[in-house]
């Protein structure tokens, strides 16, 4: 013996199916929300910029250390020049004076070369500092975008969870008035075929979107209003209403 139920209770299956569809859509939206908001992409971008910033910081530190060494070399050469100048001022030996003048000439050449090196290092340091400053700004922008995306995720996921809770409450109130055998049939068909109830509207099953054949419609017309009939295409419970076109 088939399942029977008053037409008005069969019609409630459409509300139940609408709740189930809304719950499924909310769950799918929640699962895809991180990708929809580009959160994984933004997180990867932030990490990539942090890596480049780290490299830029090390590069700047290395250049700074190189500059410190160059400045130390210049200081040592200048100290040597000062010492030789003092010795040259006080020497009375022509031979020593000649040797000191030759050494001073070499030291001044060395100082000039070191100052050129120092200037080149300072230029590199300025470039490295500019790169680092740019990366810091780039990271701040990426961090802001990620923070905004995460805030949107929090707000939208909360809204989806609220919607789901509302739909579940509505679902429970509908299930409470359905006969057990009707609800069991609905759940069985929904589990097997994905849809538990289909609205026959204008001769078309809403679950499949397919127009029923005249033969199928004749069989449905011969069924009593209380008799639960199945959609021949979707295998869902076929709910008949004034819009069914029977």
Protein backbone atom coordinates (compact mmCIF):
# COMPACT_ATOMS: atom_id res chain seq x y z
CA UNK A 1 0.00 0.00 0.00
CA UNK A 2 1.32 3.40 -1.02
CA UNK A 3 1.79 6.41 1.22
CA UNK A 4 -1.14 8.75 1.55
CA UNK A 5 -1.46 12.22 3.09
CA UNK A 6 -3.82 15.19 2.84
CA UNK A 7 -2.95 17.47 -0.10
CA UNK A 8 -2.23 20.38 2.25
CA UNK A 9 0.42 18.31 4.06
CA UNK A 10 1.90 17.14 0.77
CA UNK A 11 2.17 20.80 -0.19
CA UNK A 12 4.25 21.44 2.93
CA UNK A 13 6.91 19.25 1.35
CA UNK A 14 7.62 22.10 -1.05
CA UNK A 15 8.39 24.34 1.91
CA UNK A 16 10.57 21.58 3.34
CA UNK A 17 12.41 21.20 0.04
CA UNK A 18 12.92 24.97 -0.09
CA UNK A 19 14.46 24.85 3.41
CA UNK A 20 16.76 22.00 2.43
CA UNK A 21 17.84 23.82 -0.71
CA UNK A 22 18.54 27.00 1.27
CA UNK A 23 20.58 25.03 3.83
CA UNK A 24 22.58 23.32 1.05
CA UNK A 25 23.27 26.63 -0.68
CA UNK A 26 24.35 28.27 2.58
CA UNK A 27 26.71 25.36 3.30
CA UNK A 28 28.18 25.56 -0.22
CA UNK A 29 28.59 29.32 0.08
CA UNK A 30 30.31 28.91 3.45
CA UNK A 31 32.72 26.31 2.04
CA UNK A 32 33.61 28.48 -0.93
CA UNK A 33 33.68 31.77 0.99
CA UNK A 34 37.48 31.85 1.52
CA UNK A 35 38.05 31.41 -2.23
CA UNK A 36 35.26 33.82 -3.10
CA UNK A 37 36.95 36.48 -0.97
CA UNK A 38 40.40 35.50 -2.35
CA UNK A 39 41.69 34.83 1.17
CA UNK A 40 44.14 32.04 0.20
CA UNK A 41 45.51 34.21 -2.62
CA UNK A 42 45.88 37.20 -0.31
CA UNK A 43 47.56 35.07 2.38
CA UNK A 44 50.02 33.73 -0.18
CA UNK A 45 50.72 37.27 -1.40
CA UNK A 46 51.40 38.49 2.14
CA UNK A 47 53.81 35.61 2.80
CA UNK A 48 55.59 36.21 -0.52
CA UNK A 49 56.04 39.92 0.24
CA UNK A 50 57.26 39.09 3.75
CA UNK A 51 59.86 36.80 2.21
CA UNK A 52 61.04 39.53 -0.15
CA UNK A 53 61.07 42.03 2.71
CA UNK A 54 63.22 39.63 4.76
CA UNK A 55 65.67 39.28 1.87
CA UNK A 56 65.72 43.06 1.40
CA UNK A 57 66.42 43.59 5.11
CA UNK A 58 69.34 41.15 4.99
CA UNK A 59 70.65 42.84 1.84
CA UNK A 60 70.48 46.24 3.51
CA UNK A 61 72.21 44.92 6.65
CA UNK A 62 74.99 43.39 4.53
CA UNK A 63 75.52 46.63 2.62
CA UNK A 64 75.47 48.59 5.89
CA UNK A 65 78.16 46.26 7.28
CA UNK A 66 80.15 46.73 4.09
CA UNK A 67 79.86 50.49 4.46
CA UNK A 68 80.99 50.30 8.08
CA UNK A 69 84.08 48.36 7.01
CA UNK A 70 84.80 50.88 4.24
CA UNK A 71 84.42 53.79 6.69
CA UNK A 72 86.78 52.02 9.09
CA UNK A 73 89.32 51.56 6.30
CA UNK A 74 89.11 55.27 5.45
CA UNK A 75 89.55 56.16 9.11
CA UNK A 76 92.64 53.96 9.37
CA UNK A 77 94.19 55.45 6.22
CA UNK A 78 93.47 59.00 7.43
CA UNK A 79 95.07 58.18 10.76
CA UNK A 80 98.12 56.86 8.92
CA UNK A 81 98.25 60.02 6.76
CA UNK A 82 98.03 62.20 9.86
CA UNK A 83 100.84 60.25 11.53
CA UNK A 84 103.09 60.45 8.46
CA UNK A 85 102.35 64.18 8.11
CA UNK A 86 103.52 64.64 11.70
CA UNK A 87 106.67 62.60 11.08
CA UNK A 88 107.39 64.52 7.86
CA UNK A 89 107.06 67.84 9.69
CA UNK A 90 109.55 66.83 12.33
CA UNK A 91 112.09 64.80 10.34
CA UNK A 92 115.48 66.29 9.48
CA UNK A 93 116.49 63.41 7.24
CA UNK A 94 116.10 64.02 3.51
CA UNK A 95 115.97 60.27 2.92
CA UNK A 96 113.25 59.77 5.51
CA UNK A 97 111.35 62.76 4.10
CA UNK A 98 111.48 61.29 0.63
CA UNK A 99 110.23 57.95 1.90
CA UNK A 100 107.43 59.59 3.87
CA UNK A 101 106.34 61.70 0.88
CA UNK A 102 106.20 58.60 -1.27
CA UNK A 103 104.16 56.77 1.36
CA UNK A 104 101.84 59.77 1.77
CA UNK A 105 101.23 59.82 -1.94
CA UNK A 106 100.29 56.14 -1.86
CA UNK A 107 98.08 56.66 1.20
CA UNK A 108 96.24 59.58 -0.38
CA UNK A 109 95.64 57.49 -3.51
CA UNK A 110 94.40 54.69 -1.26
CA UNK A 111 92.12 57.10 0.60
CA UNK A 112 90.68 58.42 -2.68
CA UNK A 113 89.99 54.88 -3.88
CA UNK A 114 88.39 53.98 -0.56
CA UNK A 115 86.22 57.12 -0.67
CA UNK A 116 85.05 56.14 -4.17
CA UNK A 117 84.23 52.67 -2.88
CA UNK A 118 82.47 54.23 0.11
CA UNK A 119 80.39 56.44 -2.19
CA UNK A 120 79.40 53.48 -4.36
CA UNK A 121 78.40 51.50 -1.26
CA UNK A 122 76.33 54.44 -0.01
CA UNK A 123 74.52 54.55 -3.36
CA UNK A 124 73.78 50.83 -3.10
CA UNK A 125 72.60 51.33 0.47
CA UNK A 126 70.25 54.08 -0.66
CA UNK A 127 68.84 51.80 -3.35
CA UNK A 128 68.44 48.92 -0.87
CA UNK A 129 66.68 51.24 1.56
CA UNK A 130 64.33 52.39 -1.21
CA UNK A 131 63.53 48.78 -2.12
CA UNK A 132 62.87 47.93 1.54
CA UNK A 133 60.66 50.99 2.01
CA UNK A 134 58.66 49.98 -1.07
CA UNK A 135 58.22 46.44 0.22
CA UNK A 136 57.09 47.70 3.62
CA UNK A 137 54.43 49.82 1.90
CA UNK A 138 53.46 46.90 -0.36
CA UNK A 139 53.13 44.63 2.66
CA UNK A 140 50.98 47.18 4.48
CA UNK A 141 48.62 47.31 1.48
CA UNK A 142 48.46 43.51 1.22
CA UNK A 143 47.92 43.16 4.97
CA UNK A 144 45.08 45.67 4.80
CA UNK A 145 43.44 43.77 1.94
CA UNK A 146 43.78 40.49 3.85
CA UNK A 147 42.40 42.02 7.04
CA UNK A 148 39.42 43.40 5.10
CA UNK A 149 38.80 40.02 3.44
CA UNK A 150 38.93 38.24 6.80
CA UNK A 151 36.51 40.78 8.26
CA UNK A 152 34.15 40.16 5.34
CA UNK A 153 34.51 36.42 5.91
CA UNK A 154 33.58 36.82 9.58
CA UNK A 155 30.52 38.92 8.73
CA UNK A 156 29.34 36.82 5.80
CA UNK A 157 29.92 33.48 7.52
CA UNK A 158 27.95 34.74 10.53
CA UNK A 159 25.10 35.76 8.21
CA UNK A 160 25.17 32.35 6.51
CA UNK A 161 25.17 30.56 9.85
CA UNK A 162 22.23 32.68 11.01
CA UNK A 163 20.39 31.89 7.77
CA UNK A 164 21.12 28.19 8.25
CA UNK A 165 19.86 28.27 11.83
CA UNK A 166 16.68 30.03 10.70
CA UNK A 167 16.09 27.51 7.93
CA UNK A 168 16.72 24.59 10.30
CA UNK A 169 14.19 25.98 12.78
CA UNK A 170 11.65 26.39 9.99
CA UNK A 171 12.42 22.88 8.80
CA UNK A 172 11.80 21.43 12.26
CA UNK A 173 8.43 23.17 12.47
CA UNK A 174 7.43 21.69 9.11
CA UNK A 175 8.62 18.18 9.96
CA UNK A 176 6.64 18.34 13.20
CA UNK A 177 3.33 18.43 11.30
CA UNK A 178 4.19 15.83 8.65
CA UNK A 179 3.10 12.20 8.95
CA UNK A 180 6.05 9.96 9.75
CA UNK A 181 5.69 7.81 6.63
CA UNK A 182 5.47 10.87 4.36
CA UNK A 183 8.56 12.43 5.90
CA UNK A 184 10.44 9.11 5.75
CA UNK A 185 9.63 8.81 2.04
CA UNK A 186 10.75 12.39 1.43
CA UNK A 187 14.07 11.79 3.22
CA UNK A 188 14.65 8.50 1.41
CA UNK A 189 14.10 10.07 -2.01
CA UNK A 190 16.18 13.12 -1.11
CA UNK A 191 19.07 10.92 0.03
CA UNK A 192 18.92 8.80 -3.11
CA UNK A 193 18.24 11.39 -5.76
CA UNK A 194 19.14 14.74 -4.22
CA UNK A 195 15.59 16.14 -4.22
CA UNK A 196 12.76 14.95 -1.99
CA UNK A 197 9.80 16.85 -3.42
CA UNK A 198 9.00 18.39 -6.78
CA UNK A 199 6.27 20.86 -7.67
CA UNK A 200 4.16 19.98 -10.66
CA UNK A 201 3.49 23.36 -12.21
CA UNK A 202 1.84 23.68 -15.63
CA UNK A 203 2.63 20.05 -16.34
CA UNK A 204 6.34 20.55 -15.67
CA UNK A 205 8.23 18.96 -12.77
CA UNK A 206 10.24 21.63 -10.95
CA UNK A 207 12.88 19.11 -9.84
CA UNK A 208 13.74 17.94 -13.35
CA UNK A 209 12.50 20.89 -15.39
CA UNK A 210 10.95 18.36 -17.74
CA UNK A 211 7.35 18.42 -18.98
CA UNK A 212 5.52 15.24 -18.11
CA UNK A 213 4.11 13.18 -20.95
CA UNK A 214 0.38 13.11 -21.49
CA UNK A 215 0.38 9.48 -20.40
CA UNK A 216 2.05 10.39 -17.10
CA UNK A 217 -0.37 13.27 -16.58
CA UNK A 218 -3.33 10.93 -17.18
CA UNK A 219 -2.02 8.53 -14.54
CA UNK A 220 -1.66 11.43 -12.08
CA UNK A 221 -5.18 12.66 -12.84
CA UNK A 222 -6.52 9.23 -11.99
CA UNK A 223 -4.71 9.27 -8.62
CA UNK A 224 -6.68 10.36 -5.56
CA UNK A 225 -5.62 13.74 -4.08
CA UNK A 226 -4.45 11.97 -0.91
CA UNK A 227 -2.31 9.49 -2.82
CA UNK A 228 1.39 10.36 -2.86
CA UNK A 229 2.70 10.11 -6.42
CA UNK A 230 6.27 10.17 -7.65
CA UNK A 231 7.83 12.24 -10.40
CA UNK A 232 8.77 9.85 -13.23
CA UNK A 233 11.85 11.90 -14.10
CA UNK A 234 13.35 13.03 -10.77
CA UNK A 235 11.92 10.26 -8.52
CA UNK A 236 10.94 12.97 -6.03
CA UNK A 237 7.49 13.18 -4.46
CA UNK A 238 5.37 15.04 -7.00
CA UNK A 239 3.32 17.70 -5.24
CA UNK A 240 0.10 18.71 -6.99
CA UNK A 241 -1.43 22.15 -6.49
CA UNK A 242 -3.86 24.42 -8.30
CA UNK A 243 -0.92 25.43 -10.54
CA UNK A 244 -0.28 21.89 -11.73
CA UNK A 245 -2.38 22.21 -14.85
CA UNK A 246 -4.26 18.99 -14.30
